[in-house]
Amino acid sequence: MKKNKINLSREQLEEVIQLFNRSMDDYLYLFDIQNDYYSISKHAVSRFCLPNYHFCDATKAHNYFVYEDDLPLLFDEFNKIKSGEITEHSLHYRWLDRQHNPVWVNCRGDVILDEFNKPLYLIGCVNEIG
């Protein structure tokens, strides 16, 4: 198992995401696994049915912007991440745009572990693929 650790707070990581926001077409994200909190590049909100660029109760919130048929696949992946079974995320599935049309995305990320080697963050990038 690859052991990724980082010495930055969630707030610092969110600041880094927003620093890159204006220079990228893709969407950087941070999923705080232990606190069920999500933060994504601000411009993702104008494209997708996201409640905001950062929000709590993140797992449940995915029900509103992920295409319904793809939810079981995504939640299975979340469970594997949370249990420590996998430490990398790479999944093609659909998000809903602002008009509720499905858009294929590629979501990739790496799990960052806490001091007890438990999954703390999933950090990565979402890009549109079709």
N, C-alpha and C. Protein backbone atom coordinates (compact mmCIF):
# COMPACT_ATOMS: atom_id res chain seq x y z
N MET A 1 0.84 -1.18 0.00
CA MET A 1 0.00 0.00 0.00
C MET A 1 0.89 1.24 0.00
N LYS A 2 0.63 2.14 -0.93
CA LYS A 2 1.35 3.39 -0.98
C LYS A 2 0.85 4.29 0.15
N LYS A 3 1.76 4.90 0.89
CA LYS A 3 1.37 5.72 2.04
C LYS A 3 1.61 7.19 1.74
N ASN A 4 0.57 7.87 1.29
CA ASN A 4 0.65 9.30 1.02
C ASN A 4 0.31 10.07 2.29
N LYS A 5 1.18 11.00 2.64
CA LYS A 5 0.92 11.86 3.79
C LYS A 5 1.21 13.28 3.35
N ILE A 6 0.62 14.24 4.05
CA ILE A 6 0.80 15.65 3.70
C ILE A 6 0.77 16.47 4.99
N ASN A 7 1.55 17.51 5.03
CA ASN A 7 1.62 18.36 6.21
C ASN A 7 0.91 19.69 6.01
N LEU A 8 -0.22 19.66 5.32
CA LEU A 8 -1.02 20.85 5.10
C LEU A 8 -2.41 20.62 5.68
N SER A 9 -3.01 21.68 6.18
CA SER A 9 -4.37 21.57 6.70
C SER A 9 -5.36 21.53 5.53
N ARG A 10 -6.59 21.18 5.83
CA ARG A 10 -7.63 21.18 4.82
C ARG A 10 -7.79 22.58 4.23
N GLU A 11 -7.76 23.60 5.08
CA GLU A 11 -7.91 24.97 4.62
C GLU A 11 -6.78 25.36 3.66
N GLN A 12 -5.56 24.96 3.97
CA GLN A 12 -4.44 25.26 3.10
C GLN A 12 -4.58 24.55 1.75
N LEU A 13 -5.02 23.32 1.78
CA LEU A 13 -5.23 22.59 0.53
C LEU A 13 -6.32 23.23 -0.31
N GLU A 14 -7.38 23.70 0.34
CA GLU A 14 -8.45 24.40 -0.38
C GLU A 14 -7.93 25.68 -1.04
N GLU A 15 -7.07 26.40 -0.36
CA GLU A 15 -6.48 27.61 -0.93
C GLU A 15 -5.66 27.27 -2.17
N VAL A 16 -4.92 26.18 -2.14
CA VAL A 16 -4.13 25.76 -3.30
C VAL A 16 -5.05 25.45 -4.48
N ILE A 17 -6.14 24.75 -4.21
CA ILE A 17 -7.11 24.43 -5.27
C ILE A 17 -7.61 25.72 -5.92
N GLN A 18 -7.98 26.70 -5.12
CA GLN A 18 -8.53 27.93 -5.67
C GLN A 18 -7.46 28.77 -6.38
N LEU A 19 -6.20 28.64 -5.97
CA LEU A 19 -5.12 29.34 -6.67
C LEU A 19 -5.01 28.86 -8.13
N PHE A 20 -5.23 27.58 -8.34
CA PHE A 20 -5.15 27.02 -9.69
C PHE A 20 -6.46 27.15 -10.46
N ASN A 21 -7.53 27.53 -9.79
CA ASN A 21 -8.86 27.57 -10.37
C ASN A 21 -8.92 28.33 -11.70
N ARG A 22 -8.35 29.52 -11.76
CA ARG A 22 -8.46 30.36 -12.95
C ARG A 22 -7.57 29.90 -14.09
N SER A 23 -6.61 29.05 -13.81
CA SER A 23 -5.67 28.66 -14.87
C SER A 23 -5.95 27.25 -15.40
N MET A 24 -7.08 26.66 -15.03
CA MET A 24 -7.38 25.30 -15.45
C MET A 24 -8.80 25.18 -15.97
N ASP A 25 -8.97 24.34 -16.97
CA ASP A 25 -10.32 23.99 -17.41
C ASP A 25 -10.86 22.81 -16.60
N ASP A 26 -9.96 21.99 -16.07
CA ASP A 26 -10.36 20.86 -15.24
C ASP A 26 -10.73 21.36 -13.85
N TYR A 27 -11.19 20.44 -13.01
CA TYR A 27 -11.68 20.80 -11.69
C TYR A 27 -10.90 20.03 -10.63
N LEU A 28 -10.12 20.74 -9.84
CA LEU A 28 -9.41 20.11 -8.73
C LEU A 28 -10.36 19.96 -7.56
N TYR A 29 -10.19 18.89 -6.80
CA TYR A 29 -11.08 18.69 -5.66
C TYR A 29 -10.33 18.14 -4.45
N LEU A 30 -10.95 18.33 -3.31
CA LEU A 30 -10.50 17.77 -2.04
C LEU A 30 -11.72 17.18 -1.36
N PHE A 31 -11.67 15.91 -1.05
CA PHE A 31 -12.73 15.23 -0.32
C PHE A 31 -12.15 14.86 1.04
N ASP A 32 -12.61 15.54 2.08
CA ASP A 32 -12.20 15.23 3.45
C ASP A 32 -13.05 14.04 3.89
N ILE A 33 -12.46 12.87 3.84
CA ILE A 33 -13.18 11.62 4.07
C ILE A 33 -13.69 11.53 5.50
N GLN A 34 -12.87 11.91 6.46
CA GLN A 34 -13.24 11.76 7.86
C GLN A 34 -14.34 12.71 8.29
N ASN A 35 -14.42 13.88 7.66
CA ASN A 35 -15.45 14.87 8.01
C ASN A 35 -16.55 14.98 6.97
N ASP A 36 -16.50 14.14 5.94
CA ASP A 36 -17.50 14.11 4.87
C ASP A 36 -17.73 15.51 4.30
N TYR A 37 -16.63 16.15 3.91
CA TYR A 37 -16.61 17.51 3.41
C TYR A 37 -15.94 17.52 2.04
N TYR A 38 -16.46 18.35 1.13
CA TYR A 38 -15.97 18.37 -0.25
C TYR A 38 -15.71 19.80 -0.68
N SER A 39 -14.63 20.00 -1.39
CA SER A 39 -14.29 21.29 -1.96
C SER A 39 -13.78 21.07 -3.38
N ILE A 40 -14.20 21.93 -4.31
CA ILE A 40 -13.83 21.78 -5.71
C ILE A 40 -13.55 23.16 -6.31
N SER A 41 -12.84 23.20 -7.40
CA SER A 41 -12.58 24.46 -8.09
C SER A 41 -13.89 25.22 -8.29
N LYS A 42 -13.86 26.51 -8.00
CA LYS A 42 -15.09 27.32 -8.02
C LYS A 42 -15.84 27.27 -9.35
N HIS A 43 -15.12 27.22 -10.46
CA HIS A 43 -15.80 27.26 -11.75
C HIS A 43 -16.61 26.00 -12.05
N ALA A 44 -16.45 24.95 -11.26
CA ALA A 44 -17.26 23.74 -11.45
C ALA A 44 -18.73 24.01 -11.15
N VAL A 45 -19.00 24.97 -10.27
CA VAL A 45 -20.38 25.28 -9.87
C VAL A 45 -21.18 25.84 -11.04
N SER A 46 -20.53 26.58 -11.93
CA SER A 46 -21.26 27.13 -13.08
C SER A 46 -21.52 26.07 -14.15
N ARG A 47 -20.85 24.95 -14.08
CA ARG A 47 -20.99 23.89 -15.08
C ARG A 47 -21.90 22.75 -14.62
N PHE A 48 -21.82 22.40 -13.34
CA PHE A 48 -22.52 21.21 -12.82
C PHE A 48 -23.51 21.57 -11.70
N CYS A 49 -24.38 20.62 -11.39
CA CYS A 49 -25.42 20.79 -10.37
C CYS A 49 -24.86 20.64 -8.95
N LEU A 50 -23.77 21.30 -8.68
CA LEU A 50 -23.16 21.26 -7.36
C LEU A 50 -23.87 22.26 -6.44
N PRO A 51 -24.01 21.95 -5.15
CA PRO A 51 -24.67 22.88 -4.24
C PRO A 51 -23.84 24.14 -3.98
N ASN A 52 -22.52 24.01 -4.08
CA ASN A 52 -21.59 25.11 -3.86
C ASN A 52 -20.20 24.57 -4.22
N TYR A 53 -19.18 25.39 -4.14
CA TYR A 53 -17.84 24.88 -4.42
C TYR A 53 -17.24 24.18 -3.20
N HIS A 54 -17.88 24.30 -2.05
CA HIS A 54 -17.51 23.50 -0.88
C HIS A 54 -18.79 23.23 -0.08
N PHE A 55 -18.88 22.02 0.46
CA PHE A 55 -20.10 21.64 1.16
C PHE A 55 -19.85 20.45 2.09
N CYS A 56 -20.68 20.38 3.12
CA CYS A 56 -20.65 19.27 4.08
C CYS A 56 -21.63 18.19 3.62
N ASP A 57 -21.63 17.07 4.33
CA ASP A 57 -22.49 15.94 3.98
C ASP A 57 -22.25 15.55 2.52
N ALA A 58 -20.96 15.48 2.17
CA ALA A 58 -20.53 15.30 0.79
C ALA A 58 -21.00 14.00 0.15
N THR A 59 -20.95 12.92 0.90
CA THR A 59 -21.36 11.64 0.31
C THR A 59 -22.80 11.72 -0.17
N LYS A 60 -23.68 12.21 0.69
CA LYS A 60 -25.10 12.34 0.32
C LYS A 60 -25.28 13.35 -0.81
N ALA A 61 -24.52 14.43 -0.80
CA ALA A 61 -24.66 15.48 -1.82
C ALA A 61 -24.37 14.95 -3.22
N HIS A 62 -23.56 13.91 -3.34
CA HIS A 62 -23.29 13.34 -4.67
C HIS A 62 -24.56 12.84 -5.36
N ASN A 63 -25.59 12.55 -4.58
CA ASN A 63 -26.88 12.15 -5.15
C ASN A 63 -27.48 13.22 -6.05
N TYR A 64 -27.11 14.47 -5.86
CA TYR A 64 -27.71 15.58 -6.60
C TYR A 64 -26.96 15.94 -7.87
N PHE A 65 -25.69 15.57 -7.98
CA PHE A 65 -24.96 15.96 -9.18
C PHE A 65 -24.34 14.80 -9.95
N VAL A 66 -24.49 13.59 -9.43
CA VAL A 66 -24.02 12.40 -10.15
C VAL A 66 -25.23 11.73 -10.79
N TYR A 67 -25.08 11.32 -12.03
CA TYR A 67 -26.14 10.63 -12.76
C TYR A 67 -26.57 9.39 -11.97
N GLU A 68 -27.87 9.24 -11.78
CA GLU A 68 -28.43 8.23 -10.89
C GLU A 68 -27.90 6.81 -11.16
N ASP A 69 -27.80 6.42 -12.43
CA ASP A 69 -27.35 5.06 -12.76
C ASP A 69 -25.91 4.80 -12.34
N ASP A 70 -25.13 5.86 -12.13
CA ASP A 70 -23.72 5.71 -11.79
C ASP A 70 -23.45 5.76 -10.28
N LEU A 71 -24.47 6.07 -9.49
CA LEU A 71 -24.28 6.19 -8.05
C LEU A 71 -23.78 4.90 -7.39
N PRO A 72 -24.35 3.72 -7.71
CA PRO A 72 -23.85 2.50 -7.06
C PRO A 72 -22.35 2.27 -7.29
N LEU A 73 -21.91 2.50 -8.51
CA LEU A 73 -20.49 2.34 -8.84
C LEU A 73 -19.63 3.31 -8.02
N LEU A 74 -20.06 4.56 -7.94
CA LEU A 74 -19.32 5.56 -7.19
C LEU A 74 -19.32 5.26 -5.69
N PHE A 75 -20.46 4.91 -5.14
CA PHE A 75 -20.53 4.65 -3.70
C PHE A 75 -19.75 3.39 -3.31
N ASP A 76 -19.69 2.43 -4.21
CA ASP A 76 -18.84 1.25 -3.97
C ASP A 76 -17.38 1.69 -3.88
N GLU A 77 -16.98 2.57 -4.78
CA GLU A 77 -15.61 3.10 -4.77
C GLU A 77 -15.35 3.88 -3.48
N PHE A 78 -16.29 4.71 -3.05
CA PHE A 78 -16.15 5.45 -1.79
C PHE A 78 -15.95 4.50 -0.62
N ASN A 79 -16.73 3.43 -0.58
CA ASN A 79 -16.62 2.47 0.52
C ASN A 79 -15.24 1.81 0.54
N LYS A 80 -14.70 1.50 -0.62
CA LYS A 80 -13.36 0.91 -0.70
C LYS A 80 -12.29 1.90 -0.24
N ILE A 81 -12.48 3.16 -0.57
CA ILE A 81 -11.54 4.20 -0.14
C ILE A 81 -11.62 4.36 1.38
N LYS A 82 -12.83 4.49 1.90
CA LYS A 82 -13.02 4.71 3.33
C LYS A 82 -12.51 3.55 4.17
N SER A 83 -12.62 2.33 3.65
CA SER A 83 -12.15 1.15 4.39
C SER A 83 -10.64 0.96 4.26
N GLY A 84 -10.01 1.70 3.37
CA GLY A 84 -8.57 1.55 3.16
C GLY A 84 -8.22 0.46 2.16
N GLU A 85 -9.23 -0.13 1.54
CA GLU A 85 -9.00 -1.21 0.57
C GLU A 85 -8.25 -0.70 -0.66
N ILE A 86 -8.54 0.55 -1.07
CA ILE A 86 -7.82 1.15 -2.19
C ILE A 86 -7.32 2.53 -1.77
N THR A 87 -6.23 2.96 -2.40
CA THR A 87 -5.65 4.27 -2.07
C THR A 87 -5.56 5.17 -3.29
N GLU A 88 -6.09 4.71 -4.41
CA GLU A 88 -6.15 5.52 -5.63
C GLU A 88 -7.56 5.44 -6.18
N HIS A 89 -7.98 6.52 -6.79
CA HIS A 89 -9.32 6.60 -7.36
C HIS A 89 -9.19 6.96 -8.84
N SER A 90 -9.81 6.18 -9.69
CA SER A 90 -9.85 6.47 -11.12
C SER A 90 -11.13 5.88 -11.66
N LEU A 91 -12.07 6.76 -12.02
CA LEU A 91 -13.38 6.29 -12.39
C LEU A 91 -13.97 7.18 -13.48
N HIS A 92 -14.57 6.57 -14.49
CA HIS A 92 -15.34 7.28 -15.51
C HIS A 92 -16.80 7.10 -15.15
N TYR A 93 -17.50 8.20 -15.00
CA TYR A 93 -18.93 8.17 -14.71
C TYR A 93 -19.51 9.51 -15.11
N ARG A 94 -20.78 9.74 -14.83
CA ARG A 94 -21.45 10.94 -15.33
C ARG A 94 -21.88 11.87 -14.19
N TRP A 95 -21.63 13.14 -14.42
CA TRP A 95 -22.15 14.21 -13.57
C TRP A 95 -23.27 14.90 -14.33
N LEU A 96 -24.14 15.59 -13.60
CA LEU A 96 -25.23 16.34 -14.21
C LEU A 96 -24.83 17.80 -14.38
N ASP A 97 -25.01 18.31 -15.61
CA ASP A 97 -24.72 19.72 -15.84
C ASP A 97 -25.87 20.57 -15.27
N ARG A 98 -25.78 21.87 -15.42
CA ARG A 98 -26.78 22.77 -14.83
C ARG A 98 -28.18 22.56 -15.40
N GLN A 99 -28.28 21.95 -16.58
CA GLN A 99 -29.58 21.64 -17.19
C GLN A 99 -29.99 20.19 -16.90
N HIS A 100 -29.26 19.51 -16.03
CA HIS A 100 -29.50 18.13 -15.63
C HIS A 100 -29.24 17.11 -16.73
N ASN A 101 -28.37 17.47 -17.67
CA ASN A 101 -27.94 16.53 -18.70
C ASN A 101 -26.69 15.80 -18.21
N PRO A 102 -26.60 14.49 -18.47
CA PRO A 102 -25.40 13.76 -18.03
C PRO A 102 -24.17 14.14 -18.88
N VAL A 103 -23.04 14.30 -18.21
CA VAL A 103 -21.77 14.62 -18.85
C VAL A 103 -20.75 13.62 -18.34
N TRP A 104 -20.08 12.93 -19.26
CA TRP A 104 -19.06 11.96 -18.85
C TRP A 104 -17.85 12.70 -18.29
N VAL A 105 -17.39 12.23 -17.13
CA VAL A 105 -16.19 12.79 -16.51
C VAL A 105 -15.23 11.66 -16.16
N ASN A 106 -13.99 12.04 -16.04
CA ASN A 106 -12.96 11.15 -15.52
C ASN A 106 -12.55 11.77 -14.19
N CYS A 107 -12.69 11.02 -13.12
CA CYS A 107 -12.33 11.51 -11.79
C CYS A 107 -11.18 10.66 -11.27
N ARG A 108 -10.07 11.32 -11.01
CA ARG A 108 -8.90 10.61 -10.50
C ARG A 108 -8.43 11.29 -9.23
N GLY A 109 -7.82 10.49 -8.36
CA GLY A 109 -7.28 11.08 -7.13
C GLY A 109 -6.47 10.08 -6.34
N ASP A 110 -5.79 10.61 -5.35
CA ASP A 110 -5.00 9.81 -4.43
C ASP A 110 -5.50 10.04 -3.01
N VAL A 111 -5.44 8.99 -2.22
CA VAL A 111 -5.83 9.06 -0.81
C VAL A 111 -4.63 9.53 0.00
N ILE A 112 -4.87 10.49 0.87
CA ILE A 112 -3.87 10.96 1.83
C ILE A 112 -4.26 10.38 3.19
N LEU A 113 -3.29 9.79 3.86
CA LEU A 113 -3.53 9.13 5.14
C LEU A 113 -3.23 10.07 6.31
N ASP A 114 -3.91 9.83 7.43
CA ASP A 114 -3.62 10.59 8.64
C ASP A 114 -2.46 9.93 9.40
N GLU A 115 -2.17 10.42 10.59
CA GLU A 115 -1.04 9.89 11.36
C GLU A 115 -1.23 8.45 11.81
N PHE A 116 -2.47 7.95 11.74
CA PHE A 116 -2.77 6.56 12.12
C PHE A 116 -2.94 5.67 10.89
N ASN A 117 -2.54 6.18 9.72
CA ASN A 117 -2.65 5.48 8.43
C ASN A 117 -4.10 5.18 8.05
N LYS A 118 -5.01 6.04 8.47
CA LYS A 118 -6.41 5.95 8.08
C LYS A 118 -6.66 6.97 6.96
N PRO A 119 -7.54 6.65 6.01
CA PRO A 119 -7.85 7.61 4.94
C PRO A 119 -8.35 8.94 5.50
N LEU A 120 -7.69 10.01 5.11
CA LEU A 120 -8.05 11.35 5.57
C LEU A 120 -8.65 12.16 4.43
N TYR A 121 -7.92 12.29 3.31
CA TYR A 121 -8.38 13.06 2.18
C TYR A 121 -8.29 12.23 0.91
N LEU A 122 -9.14 12.55 -0.03
CA LEU A 122 -9.00 12.13 -1.41
C LEU A 122 -8.80 13.42 -2.19
N ILE A 123 -7.66 13.55 -2.85
CA ILE A 123 -7.31 14.76 -3.58
C ILE A 123 -7.09 14.41 -5.03
N GLY A 124 -7.70 15.17 -5.93
CA GLY A 124 -7.53 14.84 -7.33
C GLY A 124 -8.12 15.85 -8.28
N CYS A 125 -8.48 15.34 -9.45
CA CYS A 125 -8.93 16.18 -10.55
C CYS A 125 -10.09 15.50 -11.28
N VAL A 126 -11.06 16.30 -11.67
CA VAL A 126 -12.18 15.85 -12.49
C VAL A 126 -12.04 16.56 -13.84
N ASN A 127 -12.12 15.78 -14.93
CA ASN A 127 -12.13 16.41 -16.24
C ASN A 127 -13.22 15.79 -17.09
N GLU A 128 -13.76 16.61 -17.98
CA GLU A 128 -14.80 16.14 -18.89
C GLU A 128 -14.18 15.33 -20.00
N ILE A 129 -14.84 14.20 -20.34
CA ILE A 129 -14.31 13.32 -21.39
C ILE A 129 -15.28 13.10 -22.54
N GLY A 130 -16.46 13.70 -22.45
CA GLY A 130 -17.41 13.54 -23.53
C GLY A 130 -18.70 14.21 -23.25
